[in-house]
C-alpha cells in the first residue's frame, strides 16, 4: 500500500514537473488582432531581415517595426520600459546574454524547431535560441590593398599603416569577438585573452588601425576603410551594397563564430506575434532566408544550391572557435572590455 502511495506521489510530481515546462502556444488569430510586432536590433539591412519580416507580415497580417540598437542598448531599454513595454522580440549577441538572463528579461518559449537546434545553441530553460552565427573576417578593398592579409599577425605589416578599421569592444560585439579571435591566433583562448589585447595594442601603436573613422557602409563606400574587421555575412552584404571589389577573408590562424540569439521580452506587448516570429525565423524557410543573407543558420538544414553557392566553403574556416559556454565566454568578454582601457593607453 505504501509503495502504491509512493508511486502515485511520484506520478503527480512528474506531471507537475512537466507542467512547469509547458509554455504558451501562439494563436495566429490573436496575433492578427495584436496587429504589430516590435523588434530591437533587427534592421532590414541585416542578414536579409527585411525580406524575412516582409514574408512574416504577409503570413500573419502583422506590421513590423524595428529600432536599431546594439545588444547592450537593448538591455538598457528593456530595463527602462519594464512598466511600459515596447519591444516584443530581439536579436542579441551571445556576449550580452548573461546580463539579459540575470535581469529576467526573456520569456520562456520553446519554438517549433526546438528539438533540432543544437544543445549549445539554446538555453536549457527555453529563454533563448541561436538563429544564426557569423565569423570574424577581414573585408579587403582590393583596389586599395595590394597584398591581402591572411592572418592576424599579417595586419602588423607596415604596408597596412592607417588602413584598418575596427570598433570599440566596449560597445561592439564585432570588436570583442575580434580581440578573442586574435587571442586564439596567438596562443590564447577564453581563459587567456591577453594575447588578443596585446595584438590590438600593437596595431594601435603602429598606426595601422585608423582613428576617428566609424566602420559602416558609408565609410567602406568612401574608401576610408581599405581593411575592415567584420563578420563574414556583413562583409558580403557590404560588398553587395557598395558594388566595390571587396573580398571576404577568413583569418587562417583563428576566427570566432559569434552566436546571435533570438528571445522574446518577458513583458512582450504582442506575445502571440512574438512567438510566431520565433517559430518562423527558426523554421526551415526562415533559416534558408538567413543564409540568403550570408548568415550561417543555427540548424543543420540542407540549403538550395543557389544559396549554398553564395557562401564560403566549410574548409574556408580552418580554425573556427565557438563559445565554450555562456559563463566562460561572458567572463572572457568582460576581461576584454576591462583591458581595452590599457590598449587605448588611458
C-alpha atoms as a PDB file:
ATOM      1  CA  UNK A   1       0.000   0.000   0.000  1.00  0.00           C
ATOM      2  CA  UNK A   2       2.800   2.370   0.952  1.00  0.00           C
ATOM      3  CA  UNK A   3       4.549   1.528  -2.292  1.00  0.00           C
ATOM      4  CA  UNK A   4       1.408   2.324  -4.267  1.00  0.00           C
ATOM      5  CA  UNK A   5       1.023   5.675  -2.497  1.00  0.00           C
ATOM      6  CA  UNK A   6       4.668   6.462  -3.230  1.00  0.00           C
ATOM      7  CA  UNK A   7       4.151   5.694  -6.910  1.00  0.00           C
ATOM      8  CA  UNK A   8       1.088   7.941  -7.012  1.00  0.00           C
ATOM      9  CA  UNK A   9       3.023  10.776  -5.377  1.00  0.00           C
ATOM     10  CA  UNK A  10       5.894  10.347  -7.838  1.00  0.00           C
ATOM     11  CA  UNK A  11       3.435  10.347 -10.754  1.00  0.00           C
ATOM     12  CA  UNK A  12       1.828  13.577  -9.557  1.00  0.00           C
ATOM     13  CA  UNK A  13       5.239  15.177  -9.087  1.00  0.00           C
ATOM     14  CA  UNK A  14       6.205  14.184 -12.634  1.00  0.00           C
ATOM     15  CA  UNK A  15       3.016  15.679 -14.039  1.00  0.00           C
ATOM     16  CA  UNK A  16       3.593  18.898 -12.102  1.00  0.00           C
ATOM     17  CA  UNK A  17       7.204  18.987 -13.245  1.00  0.00           C
ATOM     18  CA  UNK A  18       6.181  18.583 -16.868  1.00  0.00           C
ATOM     19  CA  UNK A  19       3.512  21.237 -16.448  1.00  0.00           C
ATOM     20  CA  UNK A  20       6.141  23.684 -15.227  1.00  0.00           C
ATOM     21  CA  UNK A  21       7.881  23.351 -18.563  1.00  0.00           C
ATOM     22  CA  UNK A  22       4.770  23.990 -20.619  1.00  0.00           C
ATOM     23  CA  UNK A  23       4.718  27.293 -22.454  1.00  0.00           C
ATOM     24  CA  UNK A  24       2.055  29.251 -24.209  1.00  0.00           C
ATOM     25  CA  UNK A  25       1.011  28.229 -27.697  1.00  0.00           C
ATOM     26  CA  UNK A  26       0.751  31.145 -30.138  1.00  0.00           C
ATOM     27  CA  UNK A  27      -2.624  31.841 -31.709  1.00  0.00           C
ATOM     28  CA  UNK A  28      -2.435  33.222 -35.294  1.00  0.00           C
ATOM     29  CA  UNK A  29      -5.857  34.830 -34.919  1.00  0.00           C
ATOM     30  CA  UNK A  30      -4.791  36.624 -31.758  1.00  0.00           C
ATOM     31  CA  UNK A  31      -1.535  37.659 -33.455  1.00  0.00           C
ATOM     32  CA  UNK A  32      -3.550  39.218 -36.260  1.00  0.00           C
ATOM     33  CA  UNK A  33      -5.650  41.075 -33.684  1.00  0.00           C
ATOM     34  CA  UNK A  34      -2.484  42.272 -31.956  1.00  0.00           C
ATOM     35  CA  UNK A  35      -1.521  43.546 -35.392  1.00  0.00           C
ATOM     36  CA  UNK A  36       2.016  44.630 -34.541  1.00  0.00           C
ATOM     37  CA  UNK A  37       5.468  43.265 -33.802  1.00  0.00           C
ATOM     38  CA  UNK A  38       8.223  45.485 -32.400  1.00  0.00           C
ATOM     39  CA  UNK A  39      11.870  44.464 -32.506  1.00  0.00           C
ATOM     40  CA  UNK A  40      15.161  45.913 -31.310  1.00  0.00           C
ATOM     41  CA  UNK A  41      18.428  45.492 -33.202  1.00  0.00           C
ATOM     42  CA  UNK A  42      16.913  43.762 -36.247  1.00  0.00           C
ATOM     43  CA  UNK A  43      17.205  46.276 -39.085  1.00  0.00           C
ATOM     44  CA  UNK A  44      16.112  45.418 -42.627  1.00  0.00           C
ATOM     45  CA  UNK A  45      19.675  45.527 -43.991  1.00  0.00           C
ATOM     46  CA  UNK A  46      20.979  42.914 -41.526  1.00  0.00           C
ATOM     47  CA  UNK A  47      21.172  39.251 -42.690  1.00  0.00           C
ATOM     48  CA  UNK A  48      18.208  39.608 -45.059  1.00  0.00           C
ATOM     49  CA  UNK A  49      15.842  40.522 -42.214  1.00  0.00           C
ATOM     50  CA  UNK A  50      13.926  42.989 -44.379  1.00  0.00           C
ATOM     51  CA  UNK A  51      12.722  40.189 -46.656  1.00  0.00           C
ATOM     52  CA  UNK A  52      12.184  37.777 -43.766  1.00  0.00           C
ATOM     53  CA  UNK A  53       9.980  40.218 -41.876  1.00  0.00           C
ATOM     54  CA  UNK A  54       8.078  41.030 -45.097  1.00  0.00           C
ATOM     55  CA  UNK A  55       7.210  37.341 -45.529  1.00  0.00           C
ATOM     56  CA  UNK A  56       6.204  37.118 -41.881  1.00  0.00           C
ATOM     57  CA  UNK A  57       3.944  40.161 -42.205  1.00  0.00           C
ATOM     58  CA  UNK A  58       2.220  38.668 -45.235  1.00  0.00           C
ATOM     59  CA  UNK A  59       1.743  35.339 -43.478  1.00  0.00           C
ATOM     60  CA  UNK A  60       0.249  36.631 -40.224  1.00  0.00           C
ATOM     61  CA  UNK A  61      -1.139  40.075 -41.041  1.00  0.00           C
ATOM     62  CA  UNK A  62       1.009  41.996 -38.585  1.00  0.00           C
ATOM     63  CA  UNK A  63       3.084  45.137 -39.116  1.00  0.00           C
ATOM     64  CA  UNK A  64       6.738  45.006 -38.071  1.00  0.00           C
ATOM     65  CA  UNK A  65       8.700  47.970 -36.721  1.00  0.00           C
ATOM     66  CA  UNK A  66      12.351  47.935 -35.663  1.00  0.00           C
ATOM     67  CA  UNK A  67      14.544  50.274 -33.670  1.00  0.00           C
ATOM     68  CA  UNK A  68      18.182  49.601 -34.473  1.00  0.00           C
ATOM     69  CA  UNK A  69      20.440  49.323 -31.436  1.00  0.00           C
ATOM     70  CA  UNK A  70      23.295  47.295 -30.017  1.00  0.00           C
ATOM     71  CA  UNK A  71      22.846  44.321 -27.706  1.00  0.00           C
ATOM     72  CA  UNK A  72      23.899  46.405 -24.697  1.00  0.00           C
ATOM     73  CA  UNK A  73      21.426  49.140 -25.612  1.00  0.00           C
ATOM     74  CA  UNK A  74      18.617  46.577 -25.768  1.00  0.00           C
ATOM     75  CA  UNK A  75      19.076  45.726 -22.117  1.00  0.00           C
ATOM     76  CA  UNK A  76      19.135  49.390 -21.081  1.00  0.00           C
ATOM     77  CA  UNK A  77      15.860  49.993 -22.951  1.00  0.00           C
ATOM     78  CA  UNK A  78      14.168  46.874 -21.579  1.00  0.00           C
ATOM     79  CA  UNK A  79      15.014  47.826 -18.011  1.00  0.00           C
ATOM     80  CA  UNK A  80      13.698  51.345 -18.563  1.00  0.00           C
ATOM     81  CA  UNK A  81      10.498  50.058 -20.201  1.00  0.00           C
ATOM     82  CA  UNK A  82       9.513  47.338 -17.721  1.00  0.00           C
ATOM     83  CA  UNK A  83       6.363  49.163 -16.667  1.00  0.00           C
ATOM     84  CA  UNK A  84       5.510  50.368 -20.171  1.00  0.00           C
ATOM     85  CA  UNK A  85       6.895  47.678 -22.523  1.00  0.00           C
ATOM     86  CA  UNK A  86       7.523  48.410 -26.185  1.00  0.00           C
ATOM     87  CA  UNK A  87       9.699  45.622 -27.574  1.00  0.00           C
ATOM     88  CA  UNK A  88       8.464  42.121 -28.391  1.00  0.00           C
ATOM     89  CA  UNK A  89      11.486  40.357 -29.904  1.00  0.00           C
ATOM     90  CA  UNK A  90      15.165  40.993 -30.401  1.00  0.00           C
ATOM     91  CA  UNK A  91      18.374  39.661 -31.823  1.00  0.00           C
ATOM     92  CA  UNK A  92      21.155  39.747 -29.223  1.00  0.00           C
ATOM     93  CA  UNK A  93      24.836  38.860 -29.349  1.00  0.00           C
ATOM     94  CA  UNK A  94      25.899  35.880 -27.237  1.00  0.00           C
ATOM     95  CA  UNK A  95      28.210  38.131 -25.246  1.00  0.00           C
ATOM     96  CA  UNK A  96      25.221  40.081 -23.848  1.00  0.00           C
ATOM     97  CA  UNK A  97      23.068  37.083 -22.903  1.00  0.00           C
ATOM     98  CA  UNK A  98      24.408  36.832 -19.364  1.00  0.00           C
ATOM     99  CA  UNK A  99      23.005  40.173 -18.280  1.00  0.00           C
ATOM    100  CA  UNK A 100      19.745  39.561 -20.152  1.00  0.00           C
ATOM    101  CA  UNK A 101      19.178  36.417 -18.102  1.00  0.00           C
ATOM    102  CA  UNK A 102      20.375  37.949 -14.843  1.00  0.00           C
ATOM    103  CA  UNK A 103      17.753  40.668 -15.225  1.00  0.00           C
ATOM    104  CA  UNK A 104      14.989  38.128 -16.087  1.00  0.00           C
ATOM    105  CA  UNK A 105      14.169  39.965 -19.302  1.00  0.00           C
ATOM    106  CA  UNK A 106      13.444  36.952 -21.519  1.00  0.00           C
ATOM    107  CA  UNK A 107      10.256  34.885 -21.771  1.00  0.00           C
ATOM    108  CA  UNK A 108      10.370  31.085 -21.673  1.00  0.00           C
ATOM    109  CA  UNK A 109       9.328  29.794 -25.081  1.00  0.00           C
ATOM    110  CA  UNK A 110      10.454  26.698 -26.939  1.00  0.00           C
ATOM    111  CA  UNK A 111       9.798  27.297 -30.618  1.00  0.00           C
ATOM    112  CA  UNK A 112       8.519  24.635 -33.002  1.00  0.00           C
ATOM    113  CA  UNK A 113      12.068  23.808 -34.181  1.00  0.00           C
ATOM    114  CA  UNK A 114      13.465  23.484 -30.664  1.00  0.00           C
ATOM    115  CA  UNK A 115      14.409  19.813 -30.830  1.00  0.00           C
ATOM    116  CA  UNK A 116      16.526  20.303 -33.972  1.00  0.00           C
ATOM    117  CA  UNK A 117      18.555  23.214 -32.562  1.00  0.00           C
ATOM    118  CA  UNK A 118      21.991  22.095 -31.289  1.00  0.00           C
ATOM    119  CA  UNK A 119      22.177  21.898 -27.496  1.00  0.00           C
ATOM    120  CA  UNK A 120      24.931  24.533 -27.266  1.00  0.00           C
ATOM    121  CA  UNK A 121      22.795  26.891 -29.369  1.00  0.00           C
ATOM    122  CA  UNK A 122      19.854  27.111 -26.944  1.00  0.00           C
ATOM    123  CA  UNK A 123      19.053  27.805 -23.320  1.00  0.00           C
ATOM    124  CA  UNK A 124      18.156  24.715 -21.244  1.00  0.00           C
ATOM    125  CA  UNK A 125      15.374  26.766 -19.660  1.00  0.00           C
ATOM    126  CA  UNK A 126      13.954  27.876 -23.017  1.00  0.00           C
ATOM    127  CA  UNK A 127      14.660  31.603 -22.765  1.00  0.00           C
ATOM    128  CA  UNK A 128      16.715  31.978 -25.957  1.00  0.00           C
ATOM    129  CA  UNK A 129      17.858  30.097 -29.037  1.00  0.00           C
ATOM    130  CA  UNK A 130      20.504  30.912 -31.623  1.00  0.00           C
ATOM    131  CA  UNK A 131      19.131  31.558 -35.097  1.00  0.00           C
ATOM    132  CA  UNK A 132      22.437  32.142 -36.894  1.00  0.00           C
ATOM    133  CA  UNK A 133      26.115  32.862 -36.448  1.00  0.00           C
ATOM    134  CA  UNK A 134      28.828  34.850 -38.177  1.00  0.00           C
ATOM    135  CA  UNK A 135      32.621  34.509 -38.219  1.00  0.00           C
ATOM    136  CA  UNK A 136      35.094  37.340 -37.764  1.00  0.00           C
ATOM    137  CA  UNK A 137      36.739  38.146 -41.082  1.00  0.00           C
ATOM    138  CA  UNK A 138      38.838  40.720 -42.926  1.00  0.00           C
ATOM    139  CA  UNK A 139      36.964  42.712 -45.569  1.00  0.00           C
ATOM    140  CA  UNK A 140      39.517  43.834 -48.146  1.00  0.00           C
ATOM    141  CA  UNK A 141      39.085  46.536 -50.780  1.00  0.00           C
ATOM    142  CA  UNK A 142      41.321  45.023 -53.460  1.00  0.00           C
ATOM    143  CA  UNK A 143      41.526  48.358 -55.304  1.00  0.00           C
ATOM    144  CA  UNK A 144      43.263  49.862 -52.272  1.00  0.00           C
ATOM    145  CA  UNK A 145      45.145  46.887 -50.791  1.00  0.00           C
ATOM    146  CA  UNK A 146      47.857  45.356 -52.960  1.00  0.00           C
ATOM    147  CA  UNK A 147      48.714  42.342 -50.792  1.00  0.00           C
ATOM    148  CA  UNK A 148      45.836  40.632 -48.994  1.00  0.00           C
ATOM    149  CA  UNK A 149      46.437  39.781 -45.300  1.00  0.00           C
ATOM    150  CA  UNK A 150      45.569  36.210 -44.306  1.00  0.00           C
ATOM    151  CA  UNK A 151      46.462  36.112 -40.597  1.00  0.00           C
ATOM    152  CA  UNK A 152      46.118  38.381 -37.586  1.00  0.00           C
ATOM    153  CA  UNK A 153      49.851  38.975 -37.443  1.00  0.00           C
ATOM    154  CA  UNK A 154      49.817  39.978 -41.121  1.00  0.00           C
ATOM    155  CA  UNK A 155      47.884  43.060 -40.033  1.00  0.00           C
ATOM    156  CA  UNK A 156      51.008  44.311 -38.236  1.00  0.00           C
ATOM    157  CA  UNK A 157      52.870  44.843 -41.529  1.00  0.00           C
ATOM    158  CA  UNK A 158      53.969  48.416 -42.288  1.00  0.00           C
ATOM    159  CA  UNK A 159      52.167  48.364 -45.649  1.00  0.00           C
ATOM    160  CA  UNK A 160      48.832  48.449 -43.784  1.00  0.00           C
ATOM    161  CA  UNK A 161      49.586  51.713 -41.983  1.00  0.00           C
ATOM    162  CA  UNK A 162      46.365  53.704 -41.400  1.00  0.00           C
ATOM    163  CA  UNK A 163      44.321  51.143 -43.358  1.00  0.00           C
ATOM    164  CA  UNK A 164      42.482  49.046 -40.760  1.00  0.00           C
ATOM    165  CA  UNK A 165      39.029  49.871 -39.426  1.00  0.00           C
ATOM    166  CA  UNK A 166      37.645  48.157 -36.352  1.00  0.00           C
ATOM    167  CA  UNK A 167      35.309  49.032 -33.499  1.00  0.00           C
ATOM    168  CA  UNK A 168      35.457  49.589 -29.745  1.00  0.00           C
ATOM    169  CA  UNK A 169      34.949  46.362 -27.734  1.00  0.00           C
ATOM    170  CA  UNK A 170      33.171  48.351 -25.049  1.00  0.00           C
ATOM    171  CA  UNK A 171      30.290  48.934 -27.460  1.00  0.00           C
ATOM    172  CA  UNK A 172      30.511  46.283 -30.174  1.00  0.00           C
ATOM    173  CA  UNK A 173      30.292  42.506 -30.416  1.00  0.00           C
ATOM    174  CA  UNK A 174      32.325  42.760 -33.624  1.00  0.00           C
ATOM    175  CA  UNK A 175      35.248  44.091 -31.657  1.00  0.00           C
ATOM    176  CA  UNK A 176      35.123  41.792 -28.643  1.00  0.00           C
ATOM    177  CA  UNK A 177      34.965  38.734 -30.902  1.00  0.00           C
ATOM    178  CA  UNK A 178      37.840  40.162 -32.954  1.00  0.00           C
ATOM    179  CA  UNK A 179      40.065  40.504 -29.894  1.00  0.00           C
ATOM    180  CA  UNK A 180      39.183  36.960 -28.827  1.00  0.00           C
ATOM    181  CA  UNK A 181      39.987  35.638 -32.304  1.00  0.00           C
ATOM    182  CA  UNK A 182      43.357  37.401 -32.195  1.00  0.00           C
ATOM    183  CA  UNK A 183      43.954  35.809 -28.793  1.00  0.00           C
ATOM    184  CA  UNK A 184      43.299  32.317 -30.195  1.00  0.00           C
ATOM    185  CA  UNK A 185      45.667  33.079 -33.086  1.00  0.00           C
ATOM    186  CA  UNK A 186      48.452  33.898 -30.636  1.00  0.00           C
ATOM    187  CA  UNK A 187      48.153  31.044 -28.154  1.00  0.00           C
ATOM    188  CA  UNK A 188      45.328  32.406 -26.017  1.00  0.00           C
ATOM    189  CA  UNK A 189      41.718  31.386 -25.507  1.00  0.00           C
ATOM    190  CA  UNK A 190      38.664  32.315 -23.418  1.00  0.00           C
ATOM    191  CA  UNK A 191      40.734  31.861 -20.262  1.00  0.00           C
ATOM    192  CA  UNK A 192      43.597  33.976 -21.615  1.00  0.00           C
ATOM    193  CA  UNK A 193      42.519  36.938 -23.766  1.00  0.00           C
ATOM    194  CA  UNK A 194      45.703  38.935 -23.177  1.00  0.00           C
ATOM    195  CA  UNK A 195      47.417  37.875 -26.458  1.00  0.00           C
ATOM    196  CA  UNK A 196      44.484  39.395 -28.334  1.00  0.00           C
ATOM    197  CA  UNK A 197      44.623  42.629 -26.373  1.00  0.00           C
ATOM    198  CA  UNK A 198      48.386  42.754 -26.960  1.00  0.00           C
ATOM    199  CA  UNK A 199      47.954  42.409 -30.725  1.00  0.00           C
ATOM    200  CA  UNK A 200      45.406  45.221 -30.871  1.00  0.00           C
ATOM    201  CA  UNK A 201      47.677  47.376 -28.704  1.00  0.00           C
ATOM    202  CA  UNK A 202      50.436  46.811 -31.282  1.00  0.00           C
ATOM    203  CA  UNK A 203      48.078  47.661 -34.138  1.00  0.00           C
ATOM    204  CA  UNK A 204      47.127  50.920 -32.461  1.00  0.00           C
ATOM    205  CA  UNK A 205      50.702  51.812 -31.530  1.00  0.00           C
ATOM    206  CA  UNK A 206      51.885  51.197 -35.096  1.00  0.00           C
ATOM    207  CA  UNK A 207      49.140  53.402 -36.501  1.00  0.00           C
ATOM    208  CA  UNK A 208      47.760  50.563 -38.610  1.00  0.00           C
ATOM    209  CA  UNK A 209      44.303  50.980 -37.039  1.00  0.00           C
ATOM    210  CA  UNK A 210      42.578  54.148 -38.178  1.00  0.00           C
ATOM    211  CA  UNK A 211      41.304  56.532 -35.522  1.00  0.00           C
ATOM    212  CA  UNK A 212      38.204  58.665 -35.948  1.00  0.00           C
ATOM    213  CA  UNK A 213      36.545  56.551 -38.648  1.00  0.00           C
ATOM    214  CA  UNK A 214      33.212  54.862 -37.943  1.00  0.00           C
ATOM    215  CA  UNK A 215      33.103  51.436 -39.568  1.00  0.00           C
ATOM    216  CA  UNK A 216      29.907  51.288 -41.618  1.00  0.00           C
ATOM    217  CA  UNK A 217      28.703  51.032 -45.215  1.00  0.00           C
ATOM    218  CA  UNK A 218      29.372  54.719 -45.850  1.00  0.00           C
ATOM    219  CA  UNK A 219      32.999  54.610 -44.701  1.00  0.00           C
ATOM    220  CA  UNK A 220      33.634  51.468 -46.738  1.00  0.00           C
ATOM    221  CA  UNK A 221      31.936  53.067 -49.759  1.00  0.00           C
ATOM    222  CA  UNK A 222      34.147  56.180 -49.498  1.00  0.00           C
ATOM    223  CA  UNK A 223      37.315  54.091 -49.334  1.00  0.00           C
ATOM    224  CA  UNK A 224      38.015  55.167 -45.759  1.00  0.00           C
ATOM    225  CA  UNK A 225      38.329  51.525 -44.664  1.00  0.00           C
ATOM    226  CA  UNK A 226      40.624  49.581 -47.021  1.00  0.00           C
ATOM    227  CA  UNK A 227      40.685  46.748 -44.461  1.00  0.00           C
ATOM    228  CA  UNK A 228      37.680  46.251 -42.191  1.00  0.00           C
ATOM    229  CA  UNK A 229      37.309  43.705 -39.408  1.00  0.00           C
ATOM    230  CA  UNK A 230      33.705  42.498 -39.678  1.00  0.00           C
ATOM    231  CA  UNK A 231      31.516  39.411 -39.566  1.00  0.00           C
ATOM    232  CA  UNK A 232      31.696  37.414 -42.783  1.00  0.00           C
ATOM    233  CA  UNK A 233      27.996  37.884 -43.556  1.00  0.00           C
ATOM    234  CA  UNK A 234      28.284  41.635 -43.010  1.00  0.00           C
ATOM    235  CA  UNK A 235      31.267  41.766 -45.331  1.00  0.00           C
ATOM    236  CA  UNK A 236      29.337  40.103 -48.140  1.00  0.00           C
ATOM    237  CA  UNK A 237      26.375  42.404 -47.592  1.00  0.00           C
ATOM    238  CA  UNK A 238      28.643  45.476 -47.663  1.00  0.00           C
ATOM    239  CA  UNK A 239      30.116  44.180 -50.904  1.00  0.00           C
ATOM    240  CA  UNK A 240      26.660  43.813 -52.423  1.00  0.00           C
ATOM    241  CA  UNK A 241      25.515  47.206 -51.115  1.00  0.00           C
ATOM    242  CA  UNK A 242      28.529  49.139 -52.397  1.00  0.00           C
ATOM    243  CA  UNK A 243      29.381  47.317 -55.621  1.00  0.00           C
ATOM    244  CA  UNK A 244      33.062  47.673 -54.722  1.00  0.00           C
ATOM    245  CA  UNK A 245      35.695  44.949 -55.282  1.00  0.00           C
ATOM    246  CA  UNK A 246      35.522  43.723 -51.681  1.00  0.00           C
ATOM    247  CA  UNK A 247      36.919  40.339 -50.706  1.00  0.00           C
ATOM    248  CA  UNK A 248      35.966  38.497 -47.519  1.00  0.00           C
ATOM    249  CA  UNK A 249      38.969  36.720 -45.984  1.00  0.00           C
ATOM    250  CA  UNK A 250      38.699  34.364 -43.004  1.00  0.00           C
ATOM    251  CA  UNK A 251      41.911  34.592 -40.924  1.00  0.00           C
ATOM    252  CA  UNK A 252      43.770  31.327 -41.350  1.00  0.00           C
ATOM    253  CA  UNK A 253      45.173  31.285 -37.819  1.00  0.00           C
ATOM    254  CA  UNK A 254      41.876  31.759 -35.958  1.00  0.00           C
ATOM    255  CA  UNK A 255      38.390  33.159 -36.108  1.00  0.00           C
ATOM    256  CA  UNK A 256      35.482  33.269 -33.673  1.00  0.00           C
ATOM    257  CA  UNK A 257      31.930  32.288 -34.547  1.00  0.00           C
ATOM    258  CA  UNK A 258      29.690  34.793 -32.769  1.00  0.00           C
ATOM    259  CA  UNK A 259      26.248  33.436 -31.979  1.00  0.00           C
ATOM    260  CA  UNK A 260      23.141  35.587 -32.371  1.00  0.00           C
ATOM    261  CA  UNK A 261      20.266  34.597 -30.117  1.00  0.00           C
ATOM    262  CA  UNK A 262      16.581  35.262 -30.526  1.00  0.00           C
ATOM    263  CA  UNK A 263      14.474  35.949 -27.477  1.00  0.00           C
ATOM    264  CA  UNK A 264      11.051  37.277 -26.551  1.00  0.00           C
ATOM    265  CA  UNK A 265      10.622  40.004 -23.975  1.00  0.00           C
ATOM    266  CA  UNK A 266       9.202  38.710 -20.707  1.00  0.00           C
ATOM    267  CA  UNK A 267       6.631  41.518 -20.938  1.00  0.00           C
ATOM    268  CA  UNK A 268       6.074  41.469 -24.699  1.00  0.00           C
ATOM    269  CA  UNK A 269       3.035  43.608 -25.617  1.00  0.00           C
ATOM    270  CA  UNK A 270       2.262  41.328 -28.585  1.00  0.00           C
ATOM    271  CA  UNK A 271       3.107  37.836 -27.282  1.00  0.00           C
ATOM    272  CA  UNK A 272       1.317  35.805 -29.964  1.00  0.00           C
ATOM    273  CA  UNK A 273       3.031  37.674 -32.795  1.00  0.00           C
ATOM    274  CA  UNK A 274       6.332  37.339 -30.917  1.00  0.00           C
ATOM    275  CA  UNK A 275       6.039  33.563 -30.510  1.00  0.00           C
ATOM    276  CA  UNK A 276       5.040  33.121 -34.147  1.00  0.00           C
ATOM    277  CA  UNK A 277       8.065  35.168 -35.199  1.00  0.00           C
ATOM    278  CA  UNK A 278      10.320  32.951 -33.099  1.00  0.00           C
ATOM    279  CA  UNK A 279       8.812  29.908 -34.818  1.00  0.00           C
ATOM    280  CA  UNK A 280       9.253  31.489 -38.239  1.00  0.00           C
ATOM    281  CA  UNK A 281      12.893  32.561 -38.032  1.00  0.00           C
ATOM    282  CA  UNK A 282      13.925  29.103 -36.759  1.00  0.00           C
ATOM    283  CA  UNK A 283      11.821  27.274 -39.357  1.00  0.00           C
ATOM    284  CA  UNK A 284      13.404  25.787 -42.486  1.00  0.00           C
ATOM    285  CA  UNK A 285      12.203  28.756 -44.513  1.00  0.00           C
ATOM    286  CA  UNK A 286      13.491  31.314 -42.023  1.00  0.00           C
ATOM    287  CA  UNK A 287      16.868  29.572 -41.816  1.00  0.00           C
ATOM    288  CA  UNK A 288      17.171  29.479 -45.614  1.00  0.00           C
ATOM    289  CA  UNK A 289      16.331  33.165 -45.855  1.00  0.00           C
ATOM    290  CA  UNK A 290      19.006  33.973 -43.258  1.00  0.00           C
ATOM    291  CA  UNK A 291      21.522  32.006 -45.328  1.00  0.00           C
ATOM    292  CA  UNK A 292      20.423  34.001 -48.366  1.00  0.00           C
ATOM    293  CA  UNK A 293      21.686  36.994 -46.373  1.00  0.00           C
ATOM    294  CA  UNK A 294      25.028  35.177 -45.910  1.00  0.00           C
ATOM    295  CA  UNK A 295      24.411  34.252 -42.242  1.00  0.00           C
ATOM    296  CA  UNK A 296      25.187  30.709 -41.096  1.00  0.00           C
ATOM    297  CA  UNK A 297      21.938  29.006 -39.988  1.00  0.00           C
ATOM    298  CA  UNK A 298      21.933  27.548 -36.496  1.00  0.00           C
ATOM    299  CA  UNK A 299      20.040  24.452 -37.582  1.00  0.00           C
ATOM    300  CA  UNK A 300      21.619  21.839 -39.833  1.00  0.00           C
ATOM    301  CA  UNK A 301      19.348  22.133 -42.842  1.00  0.00           C
ATOM    302  CA  UNK A 302      20.000  21.427 -46.494  1.00  0.00           C
ATOM    303  CA  UNK A 303      20.334  24.689 -48.397  1.00  0.00           C
ATOM    304  CA  UNK A 304      19.323  25.128 -52.030  1.00  0.00           C
ATOM    305  CA  UNK A 305      22.297  25.132 -54.399  1.00  0.00           C
ATOM    306  CA  UNK A 306      21.779  28.766 -55.372  1.00  0.00           C
ATOM    307  CA  UNK A 307      22.132  29.790 -51.716  1.00  0.00           C
ATOM    308  CA  UNK A 308      24.986  27.500 -50.657  1.00  0.00           C
ATOM    309  CA  UNK A 309      26.968  28.571 -53.738  1.00  0.00           C
ATOM    310  CA  UNK A 310      26.994  32.150 -52.436  1.00  0.00           C
ATOM    311  CA  UNK A 311      28.713  31.211 -49.185  1.00  0.00           C
ATOM    312  CA  UNK A 312      32.294  30.269 -48.409  1.00  0.00           C
ATOM    313  CA  UNK A 313      33.016  26.556 -48.173  1.00  0.00           C
ATOM    314  CA  UNK A 314      33.475  24.894 -44.781  1.00  0.00           C
ATOM    315  CA  UNK A 315      37.197  24.472 -45.375  1.00  0.00           C
ATOM    316  CA  UNK A 316      37.499  28.270 -45.518  1.00  0.00           C
ATOM    317  CA  UNK A 317      37.155  28.196 -41.708  1.00  0.00           C
ATOM    318  CA  UNK A 318      40.123  26.020 -40.639  1.00  0.00           C
ATOM    319  CA  UNK A 319      40.422  27.441 -37.119  1.00  0.00           C
ATOM    320  CA  UNK A 320      36.890  28.312 -36.073  1.00  0.00           C
ATOM    321  CA  UNK A 321      36.130  28.724 -32.364  1.00  0.00           C
ATOM    322  CA  UNK A 322      32.632  28.885 -30.904  1.00  0.00           C
ATOM    323  CA  UNK A 323      31.890  29.944 -27.315  1.00  0.00           C
ATOM    324  CA  UNK A 324      32.525  27.032 -24.958  1.00  0.00           C
ATOM    325  CA  UNK A 325      29.703  28.058 -22.611  1.00  0.00           C
ATOM    326  CA  UNK A 326      27.929  31.230 -21.570  1.00  0.00           C
ATOM    327  CA  UNK A 327      29.764  31.657 -18.270  1.00  0.00           C
ATOM    328  CA  UNK A 328      33.270  31.302 -19.730  1.00  0.00           C
ATOM    329  CA  UNK A 329      32.513  33.404 -22.782  1.00  0.00           C
ATOM    330  CA  UNK A 330      30.932  36.204 -20.748  1.00  0.00           C
ATOM    331  CA  UNK A 331      33.965  36.260 -18.453  1.00  0.00           C
ATOM    332  CA  UNK A 332      36.306  36.479 -21.460  1.00  0.00           C
ATOM    333  CA  UNK A 333      34.329  39.355 -22.949  1.00  0.00           C
ATOM    334  CA  UNK A 334      34.302  41.191 -19.616  1.00  0.00           C
ATOM    335  CA  UNK A 335      38.085  40.832 -19.431  1.00  0.00           C
ATOM    336  CA  UNK A 336      38.470  42.197 -22.967  1.00  0.00           C
ATOM    337  CA  UNK A 337      36.291  45.200 -22.152  1.00  0.00           C
ATOM    338  CA  UNK A 338      38.205  45.858 -18.928  1.00  0.00           C
ATOM    339  CA  UNK A 339      41.566  45.504 -20.697  1.00  0.00           C
ATOM    340  CA  UNK A 340      40.669  47.838 -23.550  1.00  0.00           C
ATOM    341  CA  UNK A 341      41.431  50.933 -21.457  1.00  0.00           C
ATOM    342  CA  UNK A 342      45.062  49.851 -21.302  1.00  0.00           C
ATOM    343  CA  UNK A 343      45.069  49.216 -25.060  1.00  0.00           C
ATOM    344  CA  UNK A 344      43.975  52.810 -25.582  1.00  0.00           C
ATOM    345  CA  UNK A 345      46.684  53.971 -23.173  1.00  0.00           C
ATOM    346  CA  UNK A 346      44.150  55.663 -20.903  1.00  0.00           C
END
